[in-house]
Amino acid sequence: MGNITLNKVYVDKNRVDYFFSVSSDLQKYFNKNNHLFFEYNYEITDVPESILAIPFVSNVIPLTWLTNSTLSITELDKSFFNCLKEVKAAYQEMFPHILLYGDVSVKKIVENKYEPEVEAAALFSGGLDAVTTFIRIKDKKPLLITEYGWHQNDTNYSEVWEADKNNAIEFANRYNLENVLIQSNYGTFIKAQIIDADFSKKLGDTWWHGLHHGLAIISAPIPIAHKLKVQCIYIASSNSPLLKISCASDPTIDNKIKYSSGNVFHDGYELNRQDKVKVLVDYSKNNSPIKVRVCFKNEYNCCKCEKCLRTIFGIIAEGMNPEEFGFHLPNNLSDDLKIKLDNEVKFFTDTFIKIYWILIQSKMKENHKKVLYPDLLDWFLSYNFLKERQKALLKYRVMNFLPIIKRKIRIKLNNLRTEDI
């Protein structure tokens, strides 16, 4: 059994730094300085340490369970401590083929309570999922929580974060809401590649997707939620019942999370992606259209990646112009989208085709009289994704035979080096 010990929680105005130690068998999974931090746009000196401990615990507890280790801390909030058993059980049900052990050792469990003064806070990236949740709960006047977790040891300038932050602030101003802005290194302080090398085959998923990101994202704003006395933190769903997959952000996990007097709700799980596009489009019919930010880690919508394309086609299928929602498109839209789709389809998975693209085609057939680009209908409604993917893959492999071989060799060499670290 390994050990992770939180040695120090250092608070300076709007920032909290966690310094911890780990046993030698676990050190390979962490950067050498063993340091996690969060920086907020609110001062947190009045937040109890038992609450401040929650983000740290959330980021390392899945690894504790995965490696049958012990996590030792001085103080922890009672509501959160109690919910960990249910969260662990939800993970175990999601991953029945791997046993999750490990435990948390707490010297002092503290009961924190408050009367809620803010009804809702919503994690807000500006993407379709987040915007859909905002539309559904806008009457609650939610705080908008926007995060960037990809810093290293300290905050550094990031064009992506600046774009996300500015978009969130502009959005909040438009609807007379308040922003909660969070910067951290929760995406980098753990060596995900090393964990994946040891566990991904057994787990059937990656560390970040299967175990880490949900708890990391949800726990980051909890100190502010406690400070401002928030009743519920909403996180938008990424998946739907159309696709039963393992994922660290899932209603069976998220809805179990509790902190002091607050709770978490995984919103919109009953909706597929095309349903969410319809929510966005229907809202815009009676209000100004909301611009969505689809590209992850990009400053703007590139309008050529799979995620951008599926959103563009989805909006068109609902009878609207994608440019009203933040997508910059050329005049020869049909020809341009055909070229981009032919170029990207080789990367599509069977799952993506099934749960996204076939639904878009069905919706476009249903709404064909409302579609603003009739020439697009001439080819898209009969577009055979499986056949076109096979053709594109064959062409790609023939044209890139040598680079592909070189890349595979490079990946194998990198993996060997990684295993030696």
Protein backbone atom coordinates (compact mmCIF):
# COMPACT_ATOMS: atom_id res chain seq x y z
CA MET A 1 0.00 0.00 0.00
CA GLY A 2 1.18 3.47 -0.86
CA ASN A 3 0.69 6.74 1.02
CA ILE A 4 -0.24 10.28 0.03
CA THR A 5 0.00 12.87 2.80
CA LEU A 6 -1.18 16.47 2.61
CA ASN A 7 1.52 18.29 4.58
CA LYS A 8 0.59 21.94 4.15
CA VAL A 9 -2.27 24.09 2.91
CA TYR A 10 -1.00 27.60 2.27
CA VAL A 11 -3.50 30.39 1.60
CA ASP A 12 -2.56 33.81 0.27
CA LYS A 13 -5.51 36.08 -0.50
CA ASN A 14 -7.15 34.44 -3.54
CA ARG A 15 -4.83 31.47 -3.91
CA VAL A 16 -4.38 28.12 -2.17
CA ASP A 17 -1.30 25.94 -2.55
CA TYR A 18 -1.16 22.31 -1.47
CA PHE A 19 2.18 20.68 -0.64
CA PHE A 20 2.14 16.94 -0.18
CA SER A 21 4.40 13.92 0.08
CA VAL A 22 3.99 10.47 -1.42
CA SER A 23 5.55 7.08 -0.83
CA SER A 24 8.27 5.97 -3.22
CA ASP A 25 5.99 3.55 -5.07
CA LEU A 26 3.61 6.39 -5.99
CA GLN A 27 6.13 9.15 -6.73
CA LYS A 28 6.35 8.19 -10.40
CA TYR A 29 2.73 9.34 -10.82
CA PHE A 30 3.43 12.90 -9.66
CA ASN A 31 5.68 15.77 -10.67
CA LYS A 32 8.72 15.95 -8.39
CA ASN A 33 7.64 19.11 -6.54
CA ASN A 34 4.38 17.48 -5.32
CA HIS A 35 2.42 20.70 -5.60
CA LEU A 36 -1.18 21.55 -6.52
CA PHE A 37 -2.66 25.05 -6.59
CA PHE A 38 -5.89 26.93 -7.28
CA GLU A 39 -6.22 30.65 -7.91
CA TYR A 40 -9.62 32.36 -7.75
CA ASN A 41 -11.08 35.77 -8.47
CA TYR A 42 -12.36 35.79 -4.87
CA GLU A 43 -10.36 36.01 -1.67
CA ILE A 44 -10.47 32.71 0.23
CA THR A 45 -8.70 33.54 3.52
CA ASP A 46 -12.02 33.08 5.36
CA VAL A 47 -12.68 29.60 3.94
CA PRO A 48 -12.07 26.80 6.52
CA GLU A 49 -9.22 24.38 5.85
CA SER A 50 -11.67 21.49 6.01
CA ILE A 51 -13.35 22.96 2.90
CA LEU A 52 -10.11 23.96 1.20
CA ALA A 53 -8.97 20.34 1.49
CA ILE A 54 -11.79 19.16 -0.80
CA PRO A 55 -10.16 20.06 -4.16
CA PHE A 56 -6.93 18.33 -3.14
CA VAL A 57 -8.70 15.18 -1.98
CA SER A 58 -10.85 15.13 -5.12
CA ASN A 59 -7.82 15.22 -7.41
CA VAL A 60 -5.91 12.39 -5.75
CA ILE A 61 -8.61 10.13 -4.30
CA PRO A 62 -9.20 8.15 -7.54
CA LEU A 63 -5.50 7.31 -7.63
CA THR A 64 -5.67 6.33 -3.96
CA TRP A 65 -8.46 3.88 -4.76
CA LEU A 66 -6.78 2.61 -7.91
CA THR A 67 -3.49 1.85 -6.14
CA ASN A 68 -4.96 0.65 -2.82
CA SER A 69 -3.23 3.48 -0.98
CA THR A 70 -3.98 5.66 2.03
CA LEU A 71 -4.59 9.40 1.78
CA SER A 72 -3.79 11.23 5.03
CA ILE A 73 -5.03 14.76 5.79
CA THR A 74 -5.58 16.87 8.87
CA GLU A 75 -9.10 18.20 8.31
CA LEU A 76 -11.98 17.47 5.95
CA ASP A 77 -15.58 18.61 5.64
CA LYS A 78 -18.06 16.06 7.05
CA SER A 79 -20.52 16.16 4.14
CA PHE A 80 -17.76 15.56 1.63
CA PHE A 81 -16.10 12.86 3.73
CA ASN A 82 -19.41 10.99 4.00
CA CYS A 83 -20.14 11.21 0.28
CA LEU A 84 -16.81 9.61 -0.67
CA LYS A 85 -18.14 6.12 0.10
CA GLU A 86 -20.97 6.61 -2.39
CA VAL A 87 -18.66 8.15 -4.97
CA LYS A 88 -16.28 5.22 -4.63
CA ALA A 89 -19.15 2.75 -4.98
CA ALA A 90 -20.30 4.54 -8.15
CA TYR A 91 -16.80 4.27 -9.63
CA GLN A 92 -16.67 0.59 -8.67
CA GLU A 93 -19.97 -0.08 -10.44
CA MET A 94 -18.67 1.74 -13.51
CA PHE A 95 -15.43 -0.29 -13.49
CA PRO A 96 -16.46 -3.72 -12.13
CA HIS A 97 -13.47 -5.45 -13.74
CA ILE A 98 -10.94 -3.67 -11.49
CA LEU A 99 -11.16 -3.59 -7.69
CA LEU A 100 -10.92 -0.17 -6.03
CA TYR A 101 -9.49 -0.22 -2.52
CA GLY A 102 -7.69 2.47 -0.55
CA ASP A 103 -9.00 4.86 2.08
CA VAL A 104 -8.83 8.35 3.57
CA SER A 105 -7.38 8.94 7.02
CA VAL A 106 -8.62 12.21 8.56
CA LYS A 107 -7.55 13.53 11.96
CA LYS A 108 -10.46 15.92 12.28
CA ILE A 109 -13.81 15.74 10.47
CA VAL A 110 -15.52 19.15 10.59
CA GLU A 111 -19.24 19.79 10.17
CA ASN A 112 -19.76 22.94 8.08
CA LYS A 113 -23.25 24.35 7.59
CA TYR A 114 -24.90 27.41 6.11
CA GLU A 115 -28.28 28.64 4.94
CA PRO A 116 -28.05 28.87 1.12
CA GLU A 117 -28.06 32.39 -0.25
CA VAL A 118 -27.27 31.57 -3.91
CA GLU A 119 -29.56 29.05 -5.59
CA ALA A 120 -27.22 27.87 -8.33
CA ALA A 121 -23.74 27.98 -9.80
CA ALA A 122 -22.99 26.44 -13.19
CA LEU A 123 -19.74 25.22 -14.68
CA PHE A 124 -19.48 27.27 -17.85
CA SER A 125 -17.06 26.67 -20.73
CA GLY A 126 -19.18 28.45 -23.33
CA GLY A 127 -19.72 25.20 -25.25
CA LEU A 128 -23.00 23.65 -26.31
CA ASP A 129 -23.42 21.50 -23.17
CA ALA A 130 -22.78 24.43 -20.82
CA VAL A 131 -24.98 26.84 -22.77
CA THR A 132 -27.82 24.32 -22.77
CA THR A 133 -27.62 24.02 -18.99
CA PHE A 134 -27.56 27.81 -18.68
CA ILE A 135 -30.73 28.10 -20.78
CA ARG A 136 -32.43 25.48 -18.62
CA ILE A 137 -31.54 27.15 -15.29
CA LYS A 138 -31.20 30.83 -16.30
CA ASP A 139 -34.12 31.85 -14.06
CA LYS A 140 -32.01 30.79 -11.06
CA LYS A 141 -29.47 33.52 -11.98
CA PRO A 142 -26.53 31.12 -11.66
CA LEU A 143 -22.97 32.07 -10.91
CA LEU A 144 -20.90 31.15 -13.97
CA ILE A 145 -17.82 29.06 -13.14
CA THR A 146 -15.04 29.00 -15.74
CA GLU A 147 -11.82 27.06 -15.21
CA TYR A 148 -8.40 26.54 -16.72
CA GLY A 149 -6.47 23.64 -15.21
CA TRP A 150 -3.48 23.32 -17.53
CA HIS A 151 -0.91 25.59 -15.90
CA GLN A 152 2.33 24.09 -14.63
CA ASN A 153 3.66 25.28 -11.23
CA ASP A 154 2.24 28.77 -11.52
CA THR A 155 -0.16 30.82 -13.59
CA ASN A 156 1.26 31.83 -16.95
CA TYR A 157 -0.28 33.70 -19.83
CA SER A 158 -2.47 31.48 -22.01
CA GLU A 159 -4.27 32.72 -25.10
CA VAL A 160 -6.85 29.97 -24.69
CA TRP A 161 -7.56 30.93 -21.07
CA GLU A 162 -7.80 34.61 -21.98
CA ALA A 163 -10.29 33.80 -24.73
CA ASP A 164 -12.34 31.52 -22.44
CA LYS A 165 -12.26 34.05 -19.60
CA ASN A 166 -13.22 37.00 -21.77
CA ASN A 167 -16.03 35.04 -23.36
CA ALA A 168 -17.36 34.03 -19.93
CA ILE A 169 -17.16 37.61 -18.60
CA GLU A 170 -18.91 38.98 -21.67
CA PHE A 171 -21.60 36.31 -21.36
CA ALA A 172 -22.12 37.06 -17.67
CA ASN A 173 -22.36 40.80 -18.33
CA ARG A 174 -24.96 40.17 -21.03
CA TYR A 175 -27.22 38.37 -18.56
CA ASN A 176 -26.30 40.40 -15.46
CA LEU A 177 -24.57 37.46 -13.78
CA GLU A 178 -21.40 37.01 -11.73
CA ASN A 179 -18.30 35.05 -12.75
CA VAL A 180 -16.23 32.62 -10.72
CA LEU A 181 -12.85 32.34 -12.47
CA ILE A 182 -10.42 29.56 -11.53
CA GLN A 183 -6.88 28.78 -12.63
CA SER A 184 -5.00 25.67 -11.55
CA ASN A 185 -2.50 22.97 -12.44
CA TYR A 186 -4.89 20.09 -11.74
CA GLY A 187 -4.45 18.84 -15.31
CA THR A 188 -0.65 18.68 -15.10
CA PHE A 189 0.48 17.97 -11.51
CA ILE A 190 -0.23 14.28 -12.02
CA LYS A 191 1.58 12.31 -14.74
CA ALA A 192 -1.44 10.91 -16.56
CA GLN A 193 0.66 9.07 -19.15
CA ILE A 194 2.43 7.05 -16.45
CA ILE A 195 -0.87 6.10 -14.81
CA ASP A 196 -2.26 5.12 -18.21
CA ALA A 197 0.79 2.97 -18.94
CA ASP A 198 0.15 1.04 -15.70
CA PHE A 199 -3.65 0.92 -15.60
CA SER A 200 -5.42 1.86 -18.85
CA LYS A 201 -5.60 -1.72 -20.16
CA LYS A 202 -7.05 -3.00 -16.88
CA LEU A 203 -9.31 0.01 -16.54
CA GLY A 204 -10.46 0.08 -20.16
CA ASP A 205 -10.18 3.86 -20.09
CA THR A 206 -7.67 6.66 -19.52
CA TRP A 207 -6.94 8.27 -16.16
CA TRP A 208 -8.21 11.72 -17.18
CA HIS A 209 -11.39 10.58 -18.93
CA GLY A 210 -12.33 7.65 -16.76
CA LEU A 211 -11.36 8.73 -13.25
CA HIS A 212 -9.99 12.24 -12.88
CA HIS A 213 -11.67 15.08 -14.76
CA GLY A 214 -15.14 15.01 -13.20
CA LEU A 215 -13.98 15.33 -9.59
CA ALA A 216 -11.25 17.81 -10.59
CA ILE A 217 -13.64 20.17 -12.37
CA ILE A 218 -16.47 19.94 -9.84
CA SER A 219 -14.31 20.30 -6.73
CA ALA A 220 -12.38 23.36 -7.94
CA PRO A 221 -15.19 25.87 -7.17
CA ILE A 222 -16.31 24.27 -3.88
CA PRO A 223 -14.32 26.72 -1.69
CA ILE A 224 -16.12 29.60 -3.43
CA ALA A 225 -19.46 27.78 -3.31
CA HIS A 226 -19.01 27.47 0.46
CA LYS A 227 -17.92 31.11 0.82
CA LEU A 228 -20.91 32.41 -1.19
CA LYS A 229 -23.31 29.82 0.30
CA VAL A 230 -24.33 28.15 -2.95
CA GLN A 231 -27.10 25.59 -2.80
CA CYS A 232 -26.22 23.59 -5.92
CA ILE A 233 -23.37 23.37 -8.44
CA TYR A 234 -24.60 22.33 -11.90
CA ILE A 235 -22.35 20.47 -14.31
CA ALA A 236 -23.57 19.97 -17.87
CA SER A 237 -23.68 16.43 -19.23
CA SER A 238 -21.32 15.41 -22.00
CA ASN A 239 -22.95 12.04 -22.66
CA SER A 240 -26.49 10.70 -22.83
CA PRO A 241 -28.29 7.34 -22.44
CA LEU A 242 -27.63 6.80 -26.16
CA LEU A 243 -24.10 5.82 -25.19
CA LYS A 244 -23.42 3.92 -21.99
CA ILE A 245 -19.72 4.49 -21.41
CA SER A 246 -17.35 4.85 -18.50
CA CYS A 247 -16.69 8.52 -17.76
CA ALA A 248 -15.46 10.42 -14.73
CA SER A 249 -18.31 12.88 -15.22
CA ASP A 250 -21.51 10.88 -14.95
CA PRO A 251 -24.76 11.42 -13.02
CA THR A 252 -24.13 8.27 -10.99
CA ILE A 253 -20.98 9.95 -9.63
CA ASP A 254 -21.59 13.69 -9.78
CA ASN A 255 -24.98 13.60 -8.07
CA LYS A 256 -23.41 11.87 -5.05
CA ILE A 257 -21.02 14.75 -4.34
CA LYS A 258 -21.87 16.85 -1.28
CA TYR A 259 -20.03 19.67 0.54
CA SER A 260 -21.05 21.50 3.73
CA SER A 261 -24.67 22.48 2.91
CA GLY A 262 -24.36 22.23 -0.88
CA ASN A 263 -24.77 19.55 -3.51
CA VAL A 264 -24.03 18.86 -7.19
CA PHE A 265 -26.38 18.12 -10.10
CA HIS A 266 -25.40 16.56 -13.43
CA ASP A 267 -27.72 18.37 -15.83
CA GLY A 268 -29.14 17.39 -19.21
CA TYR A 269 -28.12 13.73 -19.26
CA GLU A 270 -31.49 12.81 -20.77
CA LEU A 271 -30.72 14.94 -23.84
CA ASN A 272 -28.63 13.80 -26.81
CA ARG A 273 -26.45 16.38 -28.58
CA GLN A 274 -29.02 17.15 -31.25
CA ASP A 275 -31.61 17.74 -28.50
CA LYS A 276 -29.22 20.31 -27.04
CA VAL A 277 -28.82 22.01 -30.41
CA LYS A 278 -32.61 22.29 -30.52
CA VAL A 279 -32.65 23.88 -27.03
CA LEU A 280 -30.12 26.44 -28.27
CA VAL A 281 -31.98 27.14 -31.51
CA ASP A 282 -35.42 27.33 -29.87
CA TYR A 283 -34.10 29.81 -27.31
CA SER A 284 -32.66 32.00 -30.08
CA LYS A 285 -36.02 32.27 -31.81
CA ASN A 286 -37.30 34.49 -29.02
CA ASN A 287 -33.97 35.91 -27.85
CA SER A 288 -30.65 36.98 -29.33
CA PRO A 289 -28.69 33.91 -30.49
CA ILE A 290 -26.01 32.70 -28.09
CA LYS A 291 -22.56 32.24 -29.56
CA VAL A 292 -21.06 28.91 -28.49
CA ARG A 293 -17.35 28.05 -28.13
CA VAL A 294 -16.92 24.51 -29.35
CA CYS A 295 -13.19 24.04 -29.92
CA PHE A 296 -11.40 22.83 -26.79
CA LYS A 297 -8.03 24.53 -26.23
CA ASN A 298 -8.58 26.83 -29.23
CA GLU A 299 -9.13 30.57 -29.12
CA TYR A 300 -12.07 30.38 -31.51
CA ASN A 301 -14.18 27.87 -33.44
CA CYS A 302 -11.95 26.48 -36.18
CA CYS A 303 -14.99 25.32 -38.21
CA LYS A 304 -13.11 22.29 -39.55
CA CYS A 305 -12.67 19.81 -36.68
CA GLU A 306 -15.20 17.05 -36.02
CA LYS A 307 -16.73 18.84 -33.04
CA CYS A 308 -17.17 22.09 -34.95
CA LEU A 309 -18.57 20.30 -37.99
CA ARG A 310 -21.11 18.29 -36.01
CA THR A 311 -22.33 21.48 -34.31
CA ILE A 312 -22.53 23.38 -37.61
CA PHE A 313 -24.50 20.58 -39.29
CA GLY A 314 -26.68 20.22 -36.21
CA ILE A 315 -27.65 23.89 -36.30
CA ILE A 316 -28.35 23.69 -40.02
CA ALA A 317 -30.53 20.62 -39.39
CA GLU A 318 -32.64 22.73 -37.01
CA GLY A 319 -33.20 25.32 -39.74
CA MET A 320 -30.82 28.03 -38.55
CA ASN A 321 -27.66 29.77 -39.78
CA PRO A 322 -24.53 28.62 -37.85
CA GLU A 323 -22.95 32.07 -38.26
CA GLU A 324 -25.47 33.42 -35.76
CA PHE A 325 -23.98 31.09 -33.16
CA GLY A 326 -20.27 31.89 -33.55
CA PHE A 327 -19.18 29.95 -36.65
CA HIS A 328 -17.52 31.84 -39.49
CA LEU A 329 -18.36 30.17 -42.79
CA PRO A 330 -17.63 30.91 -46.49
CA ASN A 331 -20.21 31.84 -49.11
CA ASN A 332 -19.91 28.47 -50.88
CA LEU A 333 -21.04 26.70 -47.72
CA SER A 334 -22.14 23.38 -49.19
CA ASP A 335 -18.92 22.79 -51.15
CA ASP A 336 -16.77 23.91 -48.22
CA LEU A 337 -18.51 21.61 -45.73
CA LYS A 338 -18.30 18.67 -48.16
CA ILE A 339 -14.53 19.13 -48.47
CA LYS A 340 -14.07 19.47 -44.70
CA LEU A 341 -16.28 16.48 -43.92
CA ASP A 342 -14.46 14.30 -46.48
CA ASN A 343 -11.18 15.34 -44.89
CA GLU A 344 -12.26 14.65 -41.28
CA VAL A 345 -14.45 11.56 -41.70
CA LYS A 346 -11.43 9.22 -41.54
CA PHE A 347 -11.09 10.15 -37.85
CA PHE A 348 -14.75 9.44 -36.99
CA THR A 349 -15.49 6.47 -34.75
CA ASP A 350 -18.46 4.15 -35.13
CA THR A 351 -19.78 5.63 -31.91
CA PHE A 352 -19.56 9.22 -33.15
CA ILE A 353 -21.30 8.27 -36.39
CA LYS A 354 -24.08 6.54 -34.47
CA ILE A 355 -24.79 9.02 -31.67
CA TYR A 356 -24.07 12.27 -33.53
CA TRP A 357 -24.03 12.12 -37.30
CA ILE A 358 -26.89 9.70 -38.00
CA LEU A 359 -29.08 11.79 -35.68
CA ILE A 360 -28.12 14.96 -37.58
CA GLN A 361 -29.02 13.30 -40.87
CA SER A 362 -32.37 12.17 -39.45
CA LYS A 363 -33.13 15.64 -38.13
CA MET A 364 -32.18 17.23 -41.45
CA LYS A 365 -34.49 14.84 -43.31
CA GLU A 366 -37.27 15.71 -40.88
CA ASN A 367 -36.67 19.46 -41.24
CA HIS A 368 -35.58 19.53 -44.89
CA LYS A 369 -38.06 22.30 -45.76
CA LYS A 370 -36.54 24.55 -43.07
CA VAL A 371 -32.90 24.02 -44.10
CA LEU A 372 -31.41 27.29 -45.36
CA TYR A 373 -28.93 25.61 -47.73
CA PRO A 374 -30.83 23.38 -50.20
CA ASP A 375 -27.69 22.48 -52.17
CA LEU A 376 -26.31 20.87 -49.01
CA LEU A 377 -29.30 18.53 -48.95
CA ASP A 378 -28.33 17.20 -52.37
CA TRP A 379 -25.43 15.23 -50.91
CA PHE A 380 -25.57 15.21 -47.11
CA LEU A 381 -28.82 13.27 -46.69
CA SER A 382 -27.34 10.34 -48.62
CA TYR A 383 -23.81 10.64 -47.22
CA ASN A 384 -22.64 7.15 -46.21
CA PHE A 385 -20.32 7.79 -43.28
CA LEU A 386 -18.98 4.25 -42.98
CA LYS A 387 -18.23 3.95 -46.68
CA GLU A 388 -16.71 7.44 -46.92
CA ARG A 389 -14.58 6.77 -43.84
CA GLN A 390 -13.15 3.61 -45.39
CA LYS A 391 -12.32 5.43 -48.62
CA ALA A 392 -10.71 8.33 -46.75
CA LEU A 393 -8.68 6.00 -44.52
CA LEU A 394 -7.35 4.05 -47.50
CA LYS A 395 -6.35 7.24 -49.27
CA TYR A 396 -4.73 8.62 -46.12
CA ARG A 397 -2.71 5.47 -45.47
CA VAL A 398 -1.46 5.25 -49.05
CA MET A 399 -0.41 8.88 -49.12
CA ASN A 400 1.14 8.84 -45.65
CA PHE A 401 2.60 5.35 -45.43
CA LEU A 402 6.13 6.34 -44.41
CA PRO A 403 5.11 9.09 -41.93
CA ILE A 404 2.68 6.66 -40.28
CA ILE A 405 5.40 4.01 -39.84
CA LYS A 406 7.80 6.62 -38.43
CA ARG A 407 5.15 7.90 -36.01
CA LYS A 408 4.38 4.37 -34.73
CA ILE A 409 8.08 3.75 -34.14
CA ARG A 410 8.40 7.09 -32.33
CA ILE A 411 5.39 6.29 -30.10
CA LYS A 412 6.84 2.90 -29.18
CA LEU A 413 10.19 4.47 -28.31
CA ASN A 414 8.48 7.16 -26.21
CA ASN A 415 6.49 4.50 -24.36
CA LEU A 416 9.67 2.59 -23.60
CA ARG A 417 11.29 5.76 -22.25
CA THR A 418 8.18 6.52 -20.19
CA GLU A 419 8.26 3.07 -18.58
CA ASP A 420 11.87 3.69 -17.54
CA ILE A 421 11.11 6.96 -15.74
